[in-house]
Amino acid sequence: MKRFLKWLGRLAALIVLLAIALTVYSLLAPPELPITVIHGDYALVKESSRSAYIVRQASGEEATEVVPSIIISYAMDGNYIAAKQTEVPANDEIKPDFTTYSYWLIDTKTGEINGPIYNEVEFEAKCDELELSFNKWLGT
């Protein structure tokens, strides 16, 4: 009986030490960024309400930003990704202006990026030229 209690005490101590180690690791480990895969190698990374951008990460390569923050919404048509983007304010006291934005078009096959396109008329003209139609915009 004495051996069993000694063994049980050591097991309990080991479990407590393991729990402490896992807690410390979870506090020190960098948080994983919320990533939403859009199409192929392209993904939306949303760090906060002031930081949402599109990256491209081919297998074995480091992610590179292709559309800067702040992405408001995005849409797909075939191999193209369209994104609406507003500028990040100069400081934290100023709220982002979600009524003015620029457009971006990404050809996921070739990697060609058209943007920023600063007005809706030019964006629609480019979409007509490429025979694209973005009907369903997804918010970030």
C-alpha atoms as a PDB file:
ATOM      1  CA  MET A   1       0.000   0.000   0.000  1.00  0.00           C
ATOM      2  CA  LYS A   2       2.869   2.342   0.823  1.00  0.00           C
ATOM      3  CA  ARG A   3       4.409   1.798  -2.621  1.00  0.00           C
ATOM      4  CA  PHE A   4       1.105   2.489  -4.331  1.00  0.00           C
ATOM      5  CA  LEU A   5       0.642   5.792  -2.473  1.00  0.00           C
ATOM      6  CA  LYS A   6       4.240   6.808  -3.256  1.00  0.00           C
ATOM      7  CA  TRP A   7       3.720   5.980  -6.947  1.00  0.00           C
ATOM      8  CA  LEU A   8       0.375   7.839  -6.963  1.00  0.00           C
ATOM      9  CA  GLY A   9       2.013  10.902  -5.363  1.00  0.00           C
ATOM     10  CA  ARG A  10       4.736  10.954  -8.025  1.00  0.00           C
ATOM     11  CA  LEU A  11       2.156  10.604 -10.772  1.00  0.00           C
ATOM     12  CA  ALA A  12       0.135  13.518  -9.344  1.00  0.00           C
ATOM     13  CA  ALA A  13       3.289  15.661  -9.136  1.00  0.00           C
ATOM     14  CA  LEU A  14       4.147  14.813 -12.731  1.00  0.00           C
ATOM     15  CA  ILE A  15       0.654  15.770 -13.909  1.00  0.00           C
ATOM     16  CA  VAL A  16       0.834  19.098 -12.037  1.00  0.00           C
ATOM     17  CA  LEU A  17       4.262  19.888 -13.536  1.00  0.00           C
ATOM     18  CA  LEU A  18       3.023  19.007 -17.016  1.00  0.00           C
ATOM     19  CA  ALA A  19      -0.013  21.264 -16.586  1.00  0.00           C
ATOM     20  CA  ILE A  20       2.219  24.145 -15.454  1.00  0.00           C
ATOM     21  CA  ALA A  21       4.563  23.622 -18.424  1.00  0.00           C
ATOM     22  CA  LEU A  22       1.663  23.606 -20.912  1.00  0.00           C
ATOM     23  CA  THR A  23       0.207  26.762 -19.371  1.00  0.00           C
ATOM     24  CA  VAL A  24       3.537  28.593 -19.599  1.00  0.00           C
ATOM     25  CA  TYR A  25       4.006  27.418 -23.197  1.00  0.00           C
ATOM     26  CA  SER A  26       0.544  28.634 -24.208  1.00  0.00           C
ATOM     27  CA  LEU A  27       1.258  32.047 -22.705  1.00  0.00           C
ATOM     28  CA  LEU A  28       4.666  32.416 -24.364  1.00  0.00           C
ATOM     29  CA  ALA A  29       3.888  30.923 -27.780  1.00  0.00           C
ATOM     30  CA  PRO A  30       2.970  33.459 -30.459  1.00  0.00           C
ATOM     31  CA  PRO A  31      -0.724  33.352 -31.335  1.00  0.00           C
ATOM     32  CA  GLU A  32      -1.650  31.913 -34.690  1.00  0.00           C
ATOM     33  CA  LEU A  33      -3.115  34.427 -37.116  1.00  0.00           C
ATOM     34  CA  PRO A  34      -6.663  33.771 -38.281  1.00  0.00           C
ATOM     35  CA  ILE A  35      -6.216  32.837 -41.933  1.00  0.00           C
ATOM     36  CA  THR A  36      -9.029  32.263 -44.445  1.00  0.00           C
ATOM     37  CA  VAL A  37      -7.948  30.560 -47.656  1.00  0.00           C
ATOM     38  CA  ILE A  38      -9.591  32.361 -50.566  1.00  0.00           C
ATOM     39  CA  HIS A  39      -8.309  30.559 -53.661  1.00  0.00           C
ATOM     40  CA  GLY A  40      -5.202  28.495 -54.325  1.00  0.00           C
ATOM     41  CA  ASP A  41      -2.182  30.124 -52.711  1.00  0.00           C
ATOM     42  CA  TYR A  42      -4.113  33.246 -51.692  1.00  0.00           C
ATOM     43  CA  ALA A  43      -5.503  33.819 -48.217  1.00  0.00           C
ATOM     44  CA  LEU A  44      -7.029  36.567 -46.102  1.00  0.00           C
ATOM     45  CA  VAL A  45      -5.174  37.285 -42.860  1.00  0.00           C
ATOM     46  CA  LYS A  46      -7.117  39.178 -40.222  1.00  0.00           C
ATOM     47  CA  GLU A  47      -5.067  40.277 -37.239  1.00  0.00           C
ATOM     48  CA  SER A  48      -7.585  42.824 -35.940  1.00  0.00           C
ATOM     49  CA  SER A  49     -10.314  45.194 -37.113  1.00  0.00           C
ATOM     50  CA  ARG A  50      -7.521  47.486 -38.357  1.00  0.00           C
ATOM     51  CA  SER A  51      -5.482  44.773 -39.992  1.00  0.00           C
ATOM     52  CA  ALA A  52      -6.917  42.516 -42.683  1.00  0.00           C
ATOM     53  CA  TYR A  53      -4.847  41.849 -45.778  1.00  0.00           C
ATOM     54  CA  ILE A  54      -4.395  39.307 -48.566  1.00  0.00           C
ATOM     55  CA  VAL A  55      -1.240  37.216 -48.796  1.00  0.00           C
ATOM     56  CA  ARG A  56       0.141  34.714 -51.269  1.00  0.00           C
ATOM     57  CA  GLN A  57       1.983  31.696 -49.933  1.00  0.00           C
ATOM     58  CA  ALA A  58       3.179  29.108 -52.390  1.00  0.00           C
ATOM     59  CA  SER A  59       4.185  25.813 -50.833  1.00  0.00           C
ATOM     60  CA  GLY A  60       7.565  26.027 -49.165  1.00  0.00           C
ATOM     61  CA  GLU A  61       7.730  29.817 -49.448  1.00  0.00           C
ATOM     62  CA  GLU A  62       7.147  32.597 -46.967  1.00  0.00           C
ATOM     63  CA  ALA A  63       3.847  34.483 -47.248  1.00  0.00           C
ATOM     64  CA  THR A  64       4.019  37.790 -49.119  1.00  0.00           C
ATOM     65  CA  GLU A  65       1.432  40.531 -48.804  1.00  0.00           C
ATOM     66  CA  VAL A  66      -0.305  41.270 -52.105  1.00  0.00           C
ATOM     67  CA  VAL A  67      -3.101  43.611 -50.952  1.00  0.00           C
ATOM     68  CA  PRO A  68      -2.438  45.802 -47.909  1.00  0.00           C
ATOM     69  CA  SER A  69      -4.738  46.503 -44.947  1.00  0.00           C
ATOM     70  CA  ILE A  70      -7.609  47.148 -44.462  1.00  0.00           C
ATOM     71  CA  ILE A  71      -9.538  44.693 -46.665  1.00  0.00           C
ATOM     72  CA  ILE A  72     -13.257  45.400 -46.244  1.00  0.00           C
ATOM     73  CA  SER A  73     -14.605  42.623 -48.458  1.00  0.00           C
ATOM     74  CA  TYR A  74     -13.585  40.279 -51.230  1.00  0.00           C
ATOM     75  CA  ALA A  75     -15.208  38.267 -54.026  1.00  0.00           C
ATOM     76  CA  MET A  76     -14.307  35.512 -56.479  1.00  0.00           C
ATOM     77  CA  ASP A  77     -14.986  34.953 -60.172  1.00  0.00           C
ATOM     78  CA  GLY A  78     -13.165  32.038 -61.742  1.00  0.00           C
ATOM     79  CA  ASN A  79      -9.448  32.586 -61.217  1.00  0.00           C
ATOM     80  CA  TYR A  80      -9.837  36.186 -60.116  1.00  0.00           C
ATOM     81  CA  ILE A  81     -10.079  37.639 -56.621  1.00  0.00           C
ATOM     82  CA  ALA A  82     -11.479  41.139 -56.186  1.00  0.00           C
ATOM     83  CA  ALA A  83     -10.901  43.070 -52.977  1.00  0.00           C
ATOM     84  CA  LYS A  84     -12.185  46.345 -51.551  1.00  0.00           C
ATOM     85  CA  GLN A  85      -9.563  48.052 -49.426  1.00  0.00           C
ATOM     86  CA  THR A  86      -9.538  51.176 -47.285  1.00  0.00           C
ATOM     87  CA  GLU A  87      -6.473  52.921 -45.920  1.00  0.00           C
ATOM     88  CA  VAL A  88      -5.241  52.392 -42.373  1.00  0.00           C
ATOM     89  CA  PRO A  89      -5.599  55.665 -40.429  1.00  0.00           C
ATOM     90  CA  ALA A  90      -2.443  57.475 -39.332  1.00  0.00           C
ATOM     91  CA  ASN A  91      -3.099  56.831 -35.637  1.00  0.00           C
ATOM     92  CA  ASP A  92      -5.389  54.841 -33.350  1.00  0.00           C
ATOM     93  CA  GLU A  93      -7.582  57.837 -32.451  1.00  0.00           C
ATOM     94  CA  ILE A  94      -8.820  58.135 -36.048  1.00  0.00           C
ATOM     95  CA  LYS A  95     -11.361  55.547 -37.160  1.00  0.00           C
ATOM     96  CA  PRO A  96     -11.021  53.976 -40.615  1.00  0.00           C
ATOM     97  CA  ASP A  97     -13.247  55.497 -43.303  1.00  0.00           C
ATOM     98  CA  PHE A  98     -15.254  52.544 -44.566  1.00  0.00           C
ATOM     99  CA  THR A  99     -17.134  54.688 -47.106  1.00  0.00           C
ATOM    100  CA  THR A 100     -14.116  55.307 -49.350  1.00  0.00           C
ATOM    101  CA  TYR A 101     -12.072  52.466 -50.711  1.00  0.00           C
ATOM    102  CA  SER A 102     -10.031  51.248 -53.629  1.00  0.00           C
ATOM    103  CA  TYR A 103     -10.393  48.039 -55.605  1.00  0.00           C
ATOM    104  CA  TRP A 104      -7.856  45.338 -56.352  1.00  0.00           C
ATOM    105  CA  LEU A 105      -7.982  42.499 -58.896  1.00  0.00           C
ATOM    106  CA  ILE A 106      -5.740  39.449 -58.534  1.00  0.00           C
ATOM    107  CA  ASP A 107      -5.317  36.862 -61.277  1.00  0.00           C
ATOM    108  CA  THR A 108      -4.566  33.722 -59.253  1.00  0.00           C
ATOM    109  CA  LYS A 109      -3.221  31.848 -62.297  1.00  0.00           C
ATOM    110  CA  THR A 110      -0.615  34.390 -63.378  1.00  0.00           C
ATOM    111  CA  GLY A 111      -0.155  36.309 -60.118  1.00  0.00           C
ATOM    112  CA  GLU A 112      -0.888  39.599 -61.910  1.00  0.00           C
ATOM    113  CA  ILE A 113      -2.263  42.276 -59.578  1.00  0.00           C
ATOM    114  CA  ASN A 114      -4.302  45.244 -60.793  1.00  0.00           C
ATOM    115  CA  GLY A 115      -4.642  47.850 -58.101  1.00  0.00           C
ATOM    116  CA  PRO A 116      -5.266  50.010 -56.441  1.00  0.00           C
ATOM    117  CA  ILE A 117      -8.115  51.132 -58.678  1.00  0.00           C
ATOM    118  CA  TYR A 118      -9.477  54.268 -57.040  1.00  0.00           C
ATOM    119  CA  ASN A 119     -13.008  54.488 -58.393  1.00  0.00           C
ATOM    120  CA  GLU A 120     -15.868  52.150 -59.154  1.00  0.00           C
ATOM    121  CA  VAL A 121     -16.203  53.198 -62.809  1.00  0.00           C
ATOM    122  CA  GLU A 122     -12.594  52.199 -63.580  1.00  0.00           C
ATOM    123  CA  PHE A 123     -13.052  48.949 -61.624  1.00  0.00           C
ATOM    124  CA  GLU A 124     -16.203  48.052 -63.572  1.00  0.00           C
ATOM    125  CA  ALA A 125     -14.459  48.901 -66.857  1.00  0.00           C
ATOM    126  CA  LYS A 126     -11.579  46.584 -65.971  1.00  0.00           C
ATOM    127  CA  CYS A 127     -14.063  43.840 -65.007  1.00  0.00           C
ATOM    128  CA  ASP A 128     -15.880  44.288 -68.342  1.00  0.00           C
ATOM    129  CA  GLU A 129     -12.556  44.109 -70.182  1.00  0.00           C
ATOM    130  CA  LEU A 130     -11.696  40.829 -68.408  1.00  0.00           C
ATOM    131  CA  GLU A 131     -15.315  39.560 -68.596  1.00  0.00           C
ATOM    132  CA  LEU A 132     -15.618  39.292 -64.815  1.00  0.00           C
ATOM    133  CA  SER A 133     -18.689  39.599 -62.634  1.00  0.00           C
ATOM    134  CA  PHE A 134     -18.417  39.793 -58.860  1.00  0.00           C
ATOM    135  CA  ASN A 135     -21.913  39.218 -57.492  1.00  0.00           C
ATOM    136  CA  LYS A 136     -21.280  37.962 -53.982  1.00  0.00           C
ATOM    137  CA  TRP A 137     -18.948  40.035 -51.807  1.00  0.00           C
ATOM    138  CA  LEU A 138     -17.818  38.483 -48.531  1.00  0.00           C
ATOM    139  CA  GLY A 139     -17.024  40.717 -45.579  1.00  0.00           C
ATOM    140  CA  THR A 140     -13.908  40.314 -43.526  1.00  0.00           C
END
